[in-house]
């Protein structure tokens, strides 16, 4: 009788384990996966990284802005628009808007185009995340969305800015969860650590560590260039 009860209990327990295991498997399978980029999209992003490095050597911020506007026009051509997903188009818009903002700021910190430029892109990012709640963004969208939010904070009400500051960190961390060796994201979270107060999770040692990881994990000349300069 004891052996029978023991066998019955073990069988019941085994069924529970199988059920829980099956439930977890179904849960994992049902979780949305991050967007996988096509080879063409990967190539476009790689070329944008090279472009960012090249315009860093321009003679003035005005020339850099002109080059960025040329690149924006180029990416509007059908050959790009038809082959790029909505998400990748937003990633590219984020990168070029962020670059233009920084060069305009470099030329004149009170440039009248700064606020409308970055707040318009900020609204594009917020709208995308609002309408794609069930999607898992690609690491590049998380990373570039964090950049846009970071630039826009000075134009937001203080309460909103404080909240968005933590969202920036959350986006960078989400990108690094997908790719812990993503050099550009390591650069960005390093800057977040550098400027954020310790009470919010910032710190100079954290920044230094992230910058050093960005250099160590640089996979191309553009990543090495930006990571070494900022380190």
C-alpha atoms as a PDB file:
ATOM      1  CA  UNK A   1       0.000   0.000   0.000  1.00  0.00           C
ATOM      2  CA  UNK A   2       2.818   2.356   0.928  1.00  0.00           C
ATOM      3  CA  UNK A   3       4.621   1.645  -2.343  1.00  0.00           C
ATOM      4  CA  UNK A   4       1.414   2.246  -4.281  1.00  0.00           C
ATOM      5  CA  UNK A   5       0.805   5.574  -2.520  1.00  0.00           C
ATOM      6  CA  UNK A   6       4.422   6.553  -3.098  1.00  0.00           C
ATOM      7  CA  UNK A   7       4.164   5.686  -6.803  1.00  0.00           C
ATOM      8  CA  UNK A   8       0.886   7.572  -7.096  1.00  0.00           C
ATOM      9  CA  UNK A   9       2.370  10.645  -5.411  1.00  0.00           C
ATOM     10  CA  UNK A  10       5.458  10.574  -7.644  1.00  0.00           C
ATOM     11  CA  UNK A  11       3.280  10.195 -10.734  1.00  0.00           C
ATOM     12  CA  UNK A  12       1.150  13.167  -9.681  1.00  0.00           C
ATOM     13  CA  UNK A  13       4.261  15.205  -8.950  1.00  0.00           C
ATOM     14  CA  UNK A  14       5.765  14.265 -12.332  1.00  0.00           C
ATOM     15  CA  UNK A  15       2.596  15.405 -14.065  1.00  0.00           C
ATOM     16  CA  UNK A  16       2.788  18.724 -12.213  1.00  0.00           C
ATOM     17  CA  UNK A  17       6.390  19.177 -13.357  1.00  0.00           C
ATOM     18  CA  UNK A  18       5.444  18.344 -16.940  1.00  0.00           C
ATOM     19  CA  UNK A  19       2.531  20.797 -16.805  1.00  0.00           C
ATOM     20  CA  UNK A  20       4.659  23.590 -15.341  1.00  0.00           C
ATOM     21  CA  UNK A  21       7.412  22.882 -17.873  1.00  0.00           C
ATOM     22  CA  UNK A  22       4.933  22.951 -20.734  1.00  0.00           C
ATOM     23  CA  UNK A  23       3.420  26.190 -19.404  1.00  0.00           C
ATOM     24  CA  UNK A  24       6.848  27.851 -19.201  1.00  0.00           C
ATOM     25  CA  UNK A  25       7.704  26.618 -22.704  1.00  0.00           C
ATOM     26  CA  UNK A  26       4.466  28.082 -24.078  1.00  0.00           C
ATOM     27  CA  UNK A  27       5.118  31.337 -22.238  1.00  0.00           C
ATOM     28  CA  UNK A  28       8.620  31.631 -23.697  1.00  0.00           C
ATOM     29  CA  UNK A  29       7.402  30.810 -27.192  1.00  0.00           C
ATOM     30  CA  UNK A  30       4.615  33.389 -26.886  1.00  0.00           C
ATOM     31  CA  UNK A  31       6.959  36.203 -25.813  1.00  0.00           C
ATOM     32  CA  UNK A  32       7.542  38.677 -28.655  1.00  0.00           C
ATOM     33  CA  UNK A  33      11.039  38.527 -30.085  1.00  0.00           C
ATOM     34  CA  UNK A  34      13.052  41.574 -31.051  1.00  0.00           C
ATOM     35  CA  UNK A  35      12.883  42.552 -34.704  1.00  0.00           C
ATOM     36  CA  UNK A  36      15.494  40.799 -36.830  1.00  0.00           C
ATOM     37  CA  UNK A  37      17.061  43.118 -39.392  1.00  0.00           C
ATOM     38  CA  UNK A  38      17.528  42.066 -43.000  1.00  0.00           C
ATOM     39  CA  UNK A  39      21.072  41.993 -44.470  1.00  0.00           C
ATOM     40  CA  UNK A  40      20.189  45.156 -46.427  1.00  0.00           C
ATOM     41  CA  UNK A  41      19.077  46.946 -43.242  1.00  0.00           C
ATOM     42  CA  UNK A  42      22.230  45.815 -41.438  1.00  0.00           C
ATOM     43  CA  UNK A  43      24.313  47.213 -44.305  1.00  0.00           C
ATOM     44  CA  UNK A  44      22.480  50.548 -44.226  1.00  0.00           C
ATOM     45  CA  UNK A  45      23.086  50.887 -40.479  1.00  0.00           C
ATOM     46  CA  UNK A  46      26.737  49.991 -40.947  1.00  0.00           C
ATOM     47  CA  UNK A  47      27.061  52.700 -43.616  1.00  0.00           C
ATOM     48  CA  UNK A  48      25.368  55.222 -41.335  1.00  0.00           C
ATOM     49  CA  UNK A  49      27.960  54.460 -38.663  1.00  0.00           C
ATOM     50  CA  UNK A  50      30.721  55.141 -41.180  1.00  0.00           C
ATOM     51  CA  UNK A  51      28.950  58.338 -42.259  1.00  0.00           C
ATOM     52  CA  UNK A  52      28.810  59.540 -38.644  1.00  0.00           C
ATOM     53  CA  UNK A  53      32.557  59.067 -38.341  1.00  0.00           C
ATOM     54  CA  UNK A  54      33.269  60.832 -41.634  1.00  0.00           C
ATOM     55  CA  UNK A  55      31.287  63.966 -40.833  1.00  0.00           C
ATOM     56  CA  UNK A  56      33.209  64.192 -37.576  1.00  0.00           C
ATOM     57  CA  UNK A  57      36.119  65.409 -39.687  1.00  0.00           C
ATOM     58  CA  UNK A  58      34.241  68.200 -41.490  1.00  0.00           C
ATOM     59  CA  UNK A  59      35.599  71.745 -41.282  1.00  0.00           C
ATOM     60  CA  UNK A  60      32.560  73.228 -39.552  1.00  0.00           C
ATOM     61  CA  UNK A  61      29.249  72.314 -37.955  1.00  0.00           C
ATOM     62  CA  UNK A  62      27.419  74.024 -40.839  1.00  0.00           C
ATOM     63  CA  UNK A  63      29.045  71.710 -43.369  1.00  0.00           C
ATOM     64  CA  UNK A  64      28.218  68.706 -41.184  1.00  0.00           C
ATOM     65  CA  UNK A  65      24.543  69.758 -41.086  1.00  0.00           C
ATOM     66  CA  UNK A  66      24.522  70.101 -44.880  1.00  0.00           C
ATOM     67  CA  UNK A  67      25.951  66.587 -45.239  1.00  0.00           C
ATOM     68  CA  UNK A  68      23.340  65.207 -42.864  1.00  0.00           C
ATOM     69  CA  UNK A  69      20.548  66.827 -44.873  1.00  0.00           C
ATOM     70  CA  UNK A  70      21.967  65.267 -48.052  1.00  0.00           C
ATOM     71  CA  UNK A  71      21.940  61.877 -46.357  1.00  0.00           C
ATOM     72  CA  UNK A  72      18.344  62.399 -45.201  1.00  0.00           C
ATOM     73  CA  UNK A  73      17.298  63.165 -48.780  1.00  0.00           C
ATOM     74  CA  UNK A  74      19.180  60.115 -50.060  1.00  0.00           C
ATOM     75  CA  UNK A  75      17.359  57.826 -47.616  1.00  0.00           C
ATOM     76  CA  UNK A  76      13.998  59.129 -48.849  1.00  0.00           C
ATOM     77  CA  UNK A  77      14.560  57.553 -52.265  1.00  0.00           C
ATOM     78  CA  UNK A  78      12.355  54.537 -53.175  1.00  0.00           C
ATOM     79  CA  UNK A  79      15.324  52.150 -53.158  1.00  0.00           C
ATOM     80  CA  UNK A  80      15.605  52.689 -49.408  1.00  0.00           C
ATOM     81  CA  UNK A  81      11.988  53.339 -48.425  1.00  0.00           C
ATOM     82  CA  UNK A  82      10.732  50.143 -50.063  1.00  0.00           C
ATOM     83  CA  UNK A  83      13.388  47.920 -48.499  1.00  0.00           C
ATOM     84  CA  UNK A  84      13.442  49.347 -44.983  1.00  0.00           C
ATOM     85  CA  UNK A  85      10.879  48.528 -42.308  1.00  0.00           C
ATOM     86  CA  UNK A  86       9.033  51.255 -40.425  1.00  0.00           C
ATOM     87  CA  UNK A  87      11.184  50.488 -37.394  1.00  0.00           C
ATOM     88  CA  UNK A  88      14.476  50.836 -39.275  1.00  0.00           C
ATOM     89  CA  UNK A  89      13.318  54.079 -40.904  1.00  0.00           C
ATOM     90  CA  UNK A  90      12.645  55.432 -37.405  1.00  0.00           C
ATOM     91  CA  UNK A  91      16.090  54.261 -36.247  1.00  0.00           C
ATOM     92  CA  UNK A  92      17.732  56.126 -39.137  1.00  0.00           C
ATOM     93  CA  UNK A  93      15.627  59.235 -38.495  1.00  0.00           C
ATOM     94  CA  UNK A  94      16.687  59.113 -34.844  1.00  0.00           C
ATOM     95  CA  UNK A  95      20.380  58.822 -35.727  1.00  0.00           C
ATOM     96  CA  UNK A  96      20.379  61.657 -38.263  1.00  0.00           C
ATOM     97  CA  UNK A  97      18.175  63.932 -36.126  1.00  0.00           C
ATOM     98  CA  UNK A  98      20.448  63.356 -33.138  1.00  0.00           C
ATOM     99  CA  UNK A  99      23.535  64.124 -35.237  1.00  0.00           C
ATOM    100  CA  UNK A 100      21.980  67.253 -36.723  1.00  0.00           C
ATOM    101  CA  UNK A 101      20.915  68.432 -33.268  1.00  0.00           C
ATOM    102  CA  UNK A 102      24.449  68.033 -31.925  1.00  0.00           C
ATOM    103  CA  UNK A 103      26.074  69.890 -34.812  1.00  0.00           C
ATOM    104  CA  UNK A 104      23.537  72.721 -34.601  1.00  0.00           C
ATOM    105  CA  UNK A 105      24.183  72.890 -30.863  1.00  0.00           C
ATOM    106  CA  UNK A 106      27.929  72.942 -31.496  1.00  0.00           C
ATOM    107  CA  UNK A 107      27.493  75.914 -33.828  1.00  0.00           C
ATOM    108  CA  UNK A 108      25.077  77.844 -31.600  1.00  0.00           C
ATOM    109  CA  UNK A 109      23.719  76.533 -28.277  1.00  0.00           C
ATOM    110  CA  UNK A 110      20.719  78.852 -28.706  1.00  0.00           C
ATOM    111  CA  UNK A 111      20.009  77.924 -32.321  1.00  0.00           C
ATOM    112  CA  UNK A 112      16.256  78.423 -32.942  1.00  0.00           C
ATOM    113  CA  UNK A 113      15.980  75.092 -34.798  1.00  0.00           C
ATOM    114  CA  UNK A 114      17.120  73.003 -31.832  1.00  0.00           C
ATOM    115  CA  UNK A 115      13.875  72.711 -29.894  1.00  0.00           C
ATOM    116  CA  UNK A 116      11.454  72.086 -32.809  1.00  0.00           C
ATOM    117  CA  UNK A 117      13.887  69.587 -34.372  1.00  0.00           C
ATOM    118  CA  UNK A 118      14.354  67.395 -31.314  1.00  0.00           C
ATOM    119  CA  UNK A 119      10.834  67.687 -29.888  1.00  0.00           C
ATOM    120  CA  UNK A 120       9.307  66.613 -33.220  1.00  0.00           C
ATOM    121  CA  UNK A 121      11.506  63.494 -33.220  1.00  0.00           C
ATOM    122  CA  UNK A 122      10.722  62.939 -29.542  1.00  0.00           C
ATOM    123  CA  UNK A 123       7.017  62.840 -30.410  1.00  0.00           C
ATOM    124  CA  UNK A 124       7.725  60.378 -33.241  1.00  0.00           C
ATOM    125  CA  UNK A 125       9.491  58.064 -30.792  1.00  0.00           C
ATOM    126  CA  UNK A 126       6.773  58.336 -28.146  1.00  0.00           C
ATOM    127  CA  UNK A 127       4.071  57.639 -30.733  1.00  0.00           C
ATOM    128  CA  UNK A 128       5.920  54.554 -32.015  1.00  0.00           C
ATOM    129  CA  UNK A 129       6.262  53.039 -28.558  1.00  0.00           C
ATOM    130  CA  UNK A 130       2.626  53.843 -27.802  1.00  0.00           C
ATOM    131  CA  UNK A 131       1.330  52.143 -30.953  1.00  0.00           C
ATOM    132  CA  UNK A 132       3.711  49.139 -30.736  1.00  0.00           C
ATOM    133  CA  UNK A 133       3.190  48.112 -27.120  1.00  0.00           C
ATOM    134  CA  UNK A 134       3.102  44.435 -28.029  1.00  0.00           C
ATOM    135  CA  UNK A 135       6.324  44.577 -30.045  1.00  0.00           C
ATOM    136  CA  UNK A 136       9.882  44.167 -28.770  1.00  0.00           C
ATOM    137  CA  UNK A 137      12.030  46.875 -30.367  1.00  0.00           C
ATOM    138  CA  UNK A 138      15.358  46.065 -31.950  1.00  0.00           C
ATOM    139  CA  UNK A 139      18.429  47.069 -29.921  1.00  0.00           C
ATOM    140  CA  UNK A 140      19.081  49.932 -32.342  1.00  0.00           C
ATOM    141  CA  UNK A 141      15.645  51.414 -31.748  1.00  0.00           C
ATOM    142  CA  UNK A 142      16.057  51.199 -27.976  1.00  0.00           C
ATOM    143  CA  UNK A 143      19.487  52.818 -28.228  1.00  0.00           C
ATOM    144  CA  UNK A 144      18.553  55.650 -30.593  1.00  0.00           C
ATOM    145  CA  UNK A 145      15.246  56.304 -28.804  1.00  0.00           C
ATOM    146  CA  UNK A 146      17.266  56.811 -25.640  1.00  0.00           C
ATOM    147  CA  UNK A 147      19.452  59.327 -27.481  1.00  0.00           C
ATOM    148  CA  UNK A 148      16.437  61.349 -28.611  1.00  0.00           C
ATOM    149  CA  UNK A 149      14.831  61.368 -25.174  1.00  0.00           C
ATOM    150  CA  UNK A 150      18.136  62.405 -23.633  1.00  0.00           C
ATOM    151  CA  UNK A 151      18.536  65.404 -25.961  1.00  0.00           C
ATOM    152  CA  UNK A 152      14.940  66.480 -25.496  1.00  0.00           C
ATOM    153  CA  UNK A 153      14.891  66.576 -21.687  1.00  0.00           C
ATOM    154  CA  UNK A 154      15.984  70.209 -21.435  1.00  0.00           C
ATOM    155  CA  UNK A 155      12.840  71.243 -23.314  1.00  0.00           C
ATOM    156  CA  UNK A 156      10.445  69.208 -21.137  1.00  0.00           C
ATOM    157  CA  UNK A 157       8.747  70.137 -17.846  1.00  0.00           C
ATOM    158  CA  UNK A 158      11.001  69.163 -14.935  1.00  0.00           C
ATOM    159  CA  UNK A 159       8.745  66.336 -13.737  1.00  0.00           C
ATOM    160  CA  UNK A 160       8.555  64.822 -17.224  1.00  0.00           C
ATOM    161  CA  UNK A 161      12.292  65.278 -17.721  1.00  0.00           C
ATOM    162  CA  UNK A 162      13.091  63.416 -14.487  1.00  0.00           C
ATOM    163  CA  UNK A 163      10.851  60.532 -15.543  1.00  0.00           C
ATOM    164  CA  UNK A 164      12.279  60.429 -19.055  1.00  0.00           C
ATOM    165  CA  UNK A 165      15.806  60.417 -17.643  1.00  0.00           C
ATOM    166  CA  UNK A 166      15.061  57.022 -16.100  1.00  0.00           C
ATOM    167  CA  UNK A 167      13.399  55.884 -19.337  1.00  0.00           C
ATOM    168  CA  UNK A 168      16.617  56.689 -21.193  1.00  0.00           C
ATOM    169  CA  UNK A 169      18.532  54.364 -18.870  1.00  0.00           C
ATOM    170  CA  UNK A 170      15.840  51.687 -19.252  1.00  0.00           C
ATOM    171  CA  UNK A 171      16.105  51.851 -23.054  1.00  0.00           C
ATOM    172  CA  UNK A 172      19.909  51.565 -23.000  1.00  0.00           C
ATOM    173  CA  UNK A 173      19.692  48.623 -20.613  1.00  0.00           C
ATOM    174  CA  UNK A 174      17.102  46.936 -22.847  1.00  0.00           C
ATOM    175  CA  UNK A 175      19.428  47.298 -25.848  1.00  0.00           C
ATOM    176  CA  UNK A 176      22.309  45.821 -23.859  1.00  0.00           C
ATOM    177  CA  UNK A 177      20.149  42.894 -22.787  1.00  0.00           C
ATOM    178  CA  UNK A 178      19.858  42.030 -26.480  1.00  0.00           C
ATOM    179  CA  UNK A 179      23.556  42.668 -27.122  1.00  0.00           C
ATOM    180  CA  UNK A 180      25.830  43.227 -24.090  1.00  0.00           C
ATOM    181  CA  UNK A 181      28.705  44.063 -26.453  1.00  0.00           C
ATOM    182  CA  UNK A 182      26.894  46.819 -28.374  1.00  0.00           C
ATOM    183  CA  UNK A 183      29.630  49.448 -28.414  1.00  0.00           C
ATOM    184  CA  UNK A 184      27.473  52.459 -29.306  1.00  0.00           C
ATOM    185  CA  UNK A 185      25.025  51.649 -26.537  1.00  0.00           C
ATOM    186  CA  UNK A 186      27.862  51.197 -24.055  1.00  0.00           C
ATOM    187  CA  UNK A 187      29.060  54.663 -25.067  1.00  0.00           C
ATOM    188  CA  UNK A 188      25.608  56.103 -24.458  1.00  0.00           C
ATOM    189  CA  UNK A 189      24.943  54.466 -21.114  1.00  0.00           C
ATOM    190  CA  UNK A 190      28.444  55.534 -20.044  1.00  0.00           C
ATOM    191  CA  UNK A 191      27.458  59.148 -20.685  1.00  0.00           C
ATOM    192  CA  UNK A 192      24.220  58.589 -18.759  1.00  0.00           C
ATOM    193  CA  UNK A 193      26.224  57.258 -15.794  1.00  0.00           C
ATOM    194  CA  UNK A 194      28.641  60.198 -16.040  1.00  0.00           C
ATOM    195  CA  UNK A 195      25.974  62.899 -15.807  1.00  0.00           C
ATOM    196  CA  UNK A 196      23.279  61.191 -13.687  1.00  0.00           C
ATOM    197  CA  UNK A 197      23.384  61.679  -9.905  1.00  0.00           C
ATOM    198  CA  UNK A 198      24.426  58.694  -7.818  1.00  0.00           C
ATOM    199  CA  UNK A 199      20.979  58.558  -6.183  1.00  0.00           C
ATOM    200  CA  UNK A 200      19.516  57.773  -9.640  1.00  0.00           C
ATOM    201  CA  UNK A 201      22.140  55.150 -10.451  1.00  0.00           C
ATOM    202  CA  UNK A 202      24.839  57.319 -11.979  1.00  0.00           C
ATOM    203  CA  UNK A 203      28.521  57.339 -11.108  1.00  0.00           C
ATOM    204  CA  UNK A 204      31.924  58.131 -12.594  1.00  0.00           C
ATOM    205  CA  UNK A 205      33.315  54.629 -11.981  1.00  0.00           C
ATOM    206  CA  UNK A 206      30.322  53.090 -13.770  1.00  0.00           C
ATOM    207  CA  UNK A 207      30.877  55.518 -16.636  1.00  0.00           C
ATOM    208  CA  UNK A 208      34.571  54.655 -16.916  1.00  0.00           C
ATOM    209  CA  UNK A 209      33.827  50.930 -16.906  1.00  0.00           C
ATOM    210  CA  UNK A 210      31.188  51.283 -19.645  1.00  0.00           C
ATOM    211  CA  UNK A 211      33.476  53.474 -21.773  1.00  0.00           C
ATOM    212  CA  UNK A 212      36.276  50.913 -21.481  1.00  0.00           C
ATOM    213  CA  UNK A 213      33.879  48.123 -22.457  1.00  0.00           C
ATOM    214  CA  UNK A 214      32.785  50.205 -25.468  1.00  0.00           C
ATOM    215  CA  UNK A 215      36.405  50.462 -26.652  1.00  0.00           C
ATOM    216  CA  UNK A 216      37.045  46.777 -25.982  1.00  0.00           C
ATOM    217  CA  UNK A 217      33.949  45.690 -27.921  1.00  0.00           C
ATOM    218  CA  UNK A 218      34.282  48.076 -30.871  1.00  0.00           C
ATOM    219  CA  UNK A 219      33.720  46.039 -34.039  1.00  0.00           C
ATOM    220  CA  UNK A 220      34.557  48.618 -36.699  1.00  0.00           C
ATOM    221  CA  UNK A 221      36.548  51.875 -37.113  1.00  0.00           C
ATOM    222  CA  UNK A 222      33.483  54.024 -36.419  1.00  0.00           C
ATOM    223  CA  UNK A 223      32.767  52.368 -33.064  1.00  0.00           C
ATOM    224  CA  UNK A 224      36.442  52.520 -32.099  1.00  0.00           C
ATOM    225  CA  UNK A 225      36.656  56.181 -33.135  1.00  0.00           C
ATOM    226  CA  UNK A 226      33.647  57.306 -31.070  1.00  0.00           C
ATOM    227  CA  UNK A 227      34.380  55.131 -28.038  1.00  0.00           C
ATOM    228  CA  UNK A 228      38.031  56.227 -27.766  1.00  0.00           C
ATOM    229  CA  UNK A 229      37.208  59.927 -28.174  1.00  0.00           C
ATOM    230  CA  UNK A 230      34.539  59.843 -25.471  1.00  0.00           C
ATOM    231  CA  UNK A 231      36.672  57.710 -23.154  1.00  0.00           C
END
